[in-house]
Amino acid sequence: MPYTKVMIHFMWSTKNRVPLIDNKLKPVLLNHIKENSVKQGIFIDRHNCVKDHVHLLVSLGTEQTISKIMMLIKGESSFWVNKQKLIRHKFEWQDEYIALSVSESAIQKVRDYIDRQEEHHKKVTFMQEYNEFIKAHGFKIMHFG
């Protein structure tokens, strides 16, 4: 049996960063993501969201890939919200996402960061946060067309 521990911090937003996740939808959506992830064999260590985006800390299984996890969570959850008619508008996630590896020494810091999203976003917008992540981790923003 292989022993692995690969923790990934995922972050993604609603389509066009529209603030669709209200206080009524939030607990239902997070609960559904967690329950569906268990069924899919995805272990979510922490999860939280605010009006326009989600953060997850996930332990990556030996047969899992980042893109497969995102497809299973994002695709299924948006389909589920629409099927259940939980909001008036069509619910969609932005195609892009951020996925960052988390070292053992930083796991608690990431957990705390995810837990305090509401407090954090009283001071920082999603786009400020997103741009800070892009810059801090050396990603290059690609512009097409």
C-alpha atoms as a PDB file:
ATOM      1  CA  MET A   1       0.000   0.000   0.000  1.00  0.00           C
ATOM      2  CA  PRO A   2       1.457   3.357  -0.961  1.00  0.00           C
ATOM      3  CA  TYR A   3       1.663   6.083   1.657  1.00  0.00           C
ATOM      4  CA  THR A   4       1.011   9.499   0.154  1.00  0.00           C
ATOM      5  CA  LYS A   5       0.069  12.891   1.469  1.00  0.00           C
ATOM      6  CA  VAL A   6      -0.352  15.502  -1.211  1.00  0.00           C
ATOM      7  CA  MET A   7      -2.441  18.437  -0.044  1.00  0.00           C
ATOM      8  CA  ILE A   8      -3.844  20.831  -2.643  1.00  0.00           C
ATOM      9  CA  HIS A   9      -5.440  24.226  -1.995  1.00  0.00           C
ATOM     10  CA  PHE A  10      -8.091  24.834  -4.662  1.00  0.00           C
ATOM     11  CA  MET A  11      -9.722  28.180  -5.378  1.00  0.00           C
ATOM     12  CA  TRP A  12     -12.245  29.032  -8.099  1.00  0.00           C
ATOM     13  CA  SER A  13     -14.997  31.552  -8.719  1.00  0.00           C
ATOM     14  CA  THR A  14     -18.500  31.763 -10.058  1.00  0.00           C
ATOM     15  CA  LYS A  15     -18.784  32.600 -13.751  1.00  0.00           C
ATOM     16  CA  ASN A  16     -17.747  36.236 -14.259  1.00  0.00           C
ATOM     17  CA  ARG A  17     -17.387  36.443 -10.463  1.00  0.00           C
ATOM     18  CA  VAL A  18     -21.120  37.082 -10.072  1.00  0.00           C
ATOM     19  CA  PRO A  19     -22.017  36.977  -6.337  1.00  0.00           C
ATOM     20  CA  LEU A  20     -24.481  34.079  -6.561  1.00  0.00           C
ATOM     21  CA  ILE A  21     -23.620  32.289  -3.313  1.00  0.00           C
ATOM     22  CA  ASP A  22     -25.856  33.918  -0.730  1.00  0.00           C
ATOM     23  CA  ASN A  23     -26.296  32.900   2.922  1.00  0.00           C
ATOM     24  CA  LYS A  24     -29.111  30.522   1.945  1.00  0.00           C
ATOM     25  CA  LEU A  25     -27.165  28.735  -0.810  1.00  0.00           C
ATOM     26  CA  LYS A  26     -23.793  28.610   0.950  1.00  0.00           C
ATOM     27  CA  PRO A  27     -24.441  25.870   3.562  1.00  0.00           C
ATOM     28  CA  VAL A  28     -26.425  23.753   1.083  1.00  0.00           C
ATOM     29  CA  LEU A  29     -23.734  24.060  -1.597  1.00  0.00           C
ATOM     30  CA  LEU A  30     -20.851  23.315   0.774  1.00  0.00           C
ATOM     31  CA  ASN A  31     -22.691  20.343   2.241  1.00  0.00           C
ATOM     32  CA  HIS A  32     -23.431  18.980  -1.218  1.00  0.00           C
ATOM     33  CA  ILE A  33     -19.817  19.414  -2.354  1.00  0.00           C
ATOM     34  CA  LYS A  34     -18.630  17.571   0.755  1.00  0.00           C
ATOM     35  CA  GLU A  35     -21.180  14.723   0.429  1.00  0.00           C
ATOM     36  CA  ASN A  36     -20.562  14.278  -3.300  1.00  0.00           C
ATOM     37  CA  SER A  37     -16.804  14.314  -2.733  1.00  0.00           C
ATOM     38  CA  VAL A  38     -17.105  11.473  -0.217  1.00  0.00           C
ATOM     39  CA  LYS A  39     -19.029   9.454  -2.841  1.00  0.00           C
ATOM     40  CA  GLN A  40     -16.288  10.204  -5.393  1.00  0.00           C
ATOM     41  CA  GLY A  41     -13.478   9.227  -3.009  1.00  0.00           C
ATOM     42  CA  ILE A  42     -12.237  12.806  -2.683  1.00  0.00           C
ATOM     43  CA  PHE A  43     -11.111  13.768   0.806  1.00  0.00           C
ATOM     44  CA  ILE A  44     -11.856  17.420   1.614  1.00  0.00           C
ATOM     45  CA  ASP A  45      -9.942  18.581   4.674  1.00  0.00           C
ATOM     46  CA  ARG A  46     -11.413  22.130   4.707  1.00  0.00           C
ATOM     47  CA  HIS A  47     -13.940  23.989   2.615  1.00  0.00           C
ATOM     48  CA  ASN A  48     -15.500  27.413   2.647  1.00  0.00           C
ATOM     49  CA  CYS A  49     -16.918  29.962   0.270  1.00  0.00           C
ATOM     50  CA  VAL A  50     -18.056  33.534   0.034  1.00  0.00           C
ATOM     51  CA  LYS A  51     -20.449  35.114  -2.447  1.00  0.00           C
ATOM     52  CA  ASP A  52     -18.307  34.646  -5.547  1.00  0.00           C
ATOM     53  CA  HIS A  53     -15.746  31.901  -4.899  1.00  0.00           C
ATOM     54  CA  VAL A  54     -14.796  28.692  -3.133  1.00  0.00           C
ATOM     55  CA  HIS A  55     -11.700  27.440  -1.304  1.00  0.00           C
ATOM     56  CA  LEU A  56     -10.983  23.754  -0.663  1.00  0.00           C
ATOM     57  CA  LEU A  57      -8.070  21.951   0.946  1.00  0.00           C
ATOM     58  CA  VAL A  58      -8.008  18.451  -0.524  1.00  0.00           C
ATOM     59  CA  SER A  59      -5.836  15.406   0.117  1.00  0.00           C
ATOM     60  CA  LEU A  60      -5.026  14.068  -3.333  1.00  0.00           C
ATOM     61  CA  GLY A  61      -5.447  10.285  -3.662  1.00  0.00           C
ATOM     62  CA  THR A  62      -2.931   8.122  -5.522  1.00  0.00           C
ATOM     63  CA  GLU A  63      -5.209   7.724  -8.554  1.00  0.00           C
ATOM     64  CA  GLN A  64      -6.521  11.302  -8.600  1.00  0.00           C
ATOM     65  CA  THR A  65      -5.465  14.246 -10.692  1.00  0.00           C
ATOM     66  CA  ILE A  66      -6.110  17.919 -10.121  1.00  0.00           C
ATOM     67  CA  SER A  67      -8.129  18.260 -13.330  1.00  0.00           C
ATOM     68  CA  LYS A  68     -10.272  15.197 -12.525  1.00  0.00           C
ATOM     69  CA  ILE A  69     -11.057  16.508  -9.028  1.00  0.00           C
ATOM     70  CA  MET A  70     -12.035  19.895 -10.443  1.00  0.00           C
ATOM     71  CA  MET A  71     -14.236  18.280 -13.069  1.00  0.00           C
ATOM     72  CA  LEU A  72     -15.974  16.104 -10.461  1.00  0.00           C
ATOM     73  CA  ILE A  73     -16.515  18.933  -7.988  1.00  0.00           C
ATOM     74  CA  LYS A  74     -17.144  21.964 -10.186  1.00  0.00           C
ATOM     75  CA  GLY A  75     -19.087  20.260 -12.966  1.00  0.00           C
ATOM     76  CA  GLU A  76     -21.246  18.168 -10.694  1.00  0.00           C
ATOM     77  CA  SER A  77     -22.014  20.957  -8.202  1.00  0.00           C
ATOM     78  CA  SER A  78     -23.093  23.483 -10.843  1.00  0.00           C
ATOM     79  CA  PHE A  79     -25.277  20.834 -12.513  1.00  0.00           C
ATOM     80  CA  TRP A  80     -26.786  19.980  -9.106  1.00  0.00           C
ATOM     81  CA  VAL A  81     -27.540  23.624  -8.169  1.00  0.00           C
ATOM     82  CA  ASN A  82     -29.314  24.127 -11.498  1.00  0.00           C
ATOM     83  CA  LYS A  83     -31.195  20.823 -11.326  1.00  0.00           C
ATOM     84  CA  GLN A  84     -32.427  21.639  -7.805  1.00  0.00           C
ATOM     85  CA  LYS A  85     -33.336  25.189  -8.939  1.00  0.00           C
ATOM     86  CA  LEU A  86     -31.653  26.622  -5.845  1.00  0.00           C
ATOM     87  CA  ILE A  87     -31.251  30.064  -7.425  1.00  0.00           C
ATOM     88  CA  ARG A  88     -33.220  32.013 -10.022  1.00  0.00           C
ATOM     89  CA  HIS A  89     -30.354  32.399 -12.473  1.00  0.00           C
ATOM     90  CA  LYS A  90     -28.224  29.793 -14.205  1.00  0.00           C
ATOM     91  CA  PHE A  91     -25.409  28.783 -11.865  1.00  0.00           C
ATOM     92  CA  GLU A  92     -21.976  28.402 -13.457  1.00  0.00           C
ATOM     93  CA  TRP A  93     -18.369  28.260 -12.325  1.00  0.00           C
ATOM     94  CA  GLN A  94     -15.543  30.095 -14.075  1.00  0.00           C
ATOM     95  CA  ASP A  95     -13.472  27.661 -16.178  1.00  0.00           C
ATOM     96  CA  GLU A  96     -10.196  28.665 -14.558  1.00  0.00           C
ATOM     97  CA  TYR A  97      -9.066  27.712 -11.094  1.00  0.00           C
ATOM     98  CA  ILE A  98      -5.980  27.852  -8.915  1.00  0.00           C
ATOM     99  CA  ALA A  99      -4.504  24.674  -7.422  1.00  0.00           C
ATOM    100  CA  LEU A 100      -1.489  24.938  -5.125  1.00  0.00           C
ATOM    101  CA  SER A 101       0.428  22.267  -3.279  1.00  0.00           C
ATOM    102  CA  VAL A 102       0.588  22.776   0.478  1.00  0.00           C
ATOM    103  CA  SER A 103       3.561  21.635   2.542  1.00  0.00           C
ATOM    104  CA  GLU A 104       3.022  19.839   5.844  1.00  0.00           C
ATOM    105  CA  SER A 105       4.297  22.878   7.736  1.00  0.00           C
ATOM    106  CA  ALA A 106       1.704  25.154   6.092  1.00  0.00           C
ATOM    107  CA  ILE A 107      -1.415  22.968   6.382  1.00  0.00           C
ATOM    108  CA  GLN A 108      -2.757  24.645   9.532  1.00  0.00           C
ATOM    109  CA  LYS A 109      -2.116  28.108   8.072  1.00  0.00           C
ATOM    110  CA  VAL A 110      -4.145  27.194   4.968  1.00  0.00           C
ATOM    111  CA  ARG A 111      -6.918  25.692   7.108  1.00  0.00           C
ATOM    112  CA  ASP A 112      -7.118  28.907   9.133  1.00  0.00           C
ATOM    113  CA  TYR A 113      -7.098  31.000   5.947  1.00  0.00           C
ATOM    114  CA  ILE A 114      -9.993  28.995   4.496  1.00  0.00           C
ATOM    115  CA  ASP A 115     -11.938  29.133   7.772  1.00  0.00           C
ATOM    116  CA  ARG A 116     -11.621  32.950   7.916  1.00  0.00           C
ATOM    117  CA  GLN A 117     -12.801  33.779   4.394  1.00  0.00           C
ATOM    118  CA  GLU A 118     -15.712  35.994   5.473  1.00  0.00           C
ATOM    119  CA  GLU A 119     -13.415  38.083   7.675  1.00  0.00           C
ATOM    120  CA  HIS A 120     -10.689  38.181   5.005  1.00  0.00           C
ATOM    121  CA  HIS A 121     -13.064  39.438   2.309  1.00  0.00           C
ATOM    122  CA  LYS A 122     -14.230  42.381   4.376  1.00  0.00           C
ATOM    123  CA  LYS A 123     -10.805  43.858   3.529  1.00  0.00           C
ATOM    124  CA  VAL A 124      -9.852  42.226   0.224  1.00  0.00           C
ATOM    125  CA  THR A 125     -11.924  41.594  -2.920  1.00  0.00           C
ATOM    126  CA  PHE A 126     -11.770  38.288  -4.747  1.00  0.00           C
ATOM    127  CA  MET A 127      -9.848  39.877  -7.626  1.00  0.00           C
ATOM    128  CA  GLN A 128      -7.278  41.342  -5.216  1.00  0.00           C
ATOM    129  CA  GLU A 129      -6.922  37.921  -3.589  1.00  0.00           C
ATOM    130  CA  TYR A 130      -6.709  36.181  -6.972  1.00  0.00           C
ATOM    131  CA  ASN A 131      -4.048  38.576  -8.249  1.00  0.00           C
ATOM    132  CA  GLU A 132      -2.051  38.166  -5.022  1.00  0.00           C
ATOM    133  CA  PHE A 133      -2.092  34.375  -5.493  1.00  0.00           C
ATOM    134  CA  ILE A 134      -1.059  34.704  -9.151  1.00  0.00           C
ATOM    135  CA  LYS A 135       1.826  37.022  -8.274  1.00  0.00           C
ATOM    136  CA  ALA A 136       2.977  35.189  -5.113  1.00  0.00           C
ATOM    137  CA  HIS A 137       3.186  31.850  -6.930  1.00  0.00           C
ATOM    138  CA  GLY A 138       4.789  33.108 -10.153  1.00  0.00           C
ATOM    139  CA  PHE A 139       1.938  32.326 -12.525  1.00  0.00           C
ATOM    140  CA  LYS A 140       1.871  34.122 -15.845  1.00  0.00           C
ATOM    141  CA  ILE A 141      -1.523  35.400 -16.975  1.00  0.00           C
ATOM    142  CA  MET A 142      -2.133  34.404 -20.565  1.00  0.00           C
ATOM    143  CA  HIS A 143      -4.093  36.695 -22.839  1.00  0.00           C
ATOM    144  CA  PHE A 144      -5.471  35.216 -26.034  1.00  0.00           C
ATOM    145  CA  GLY A 145      -6.862  36.888 -29.106  1.00  0.00           C
END
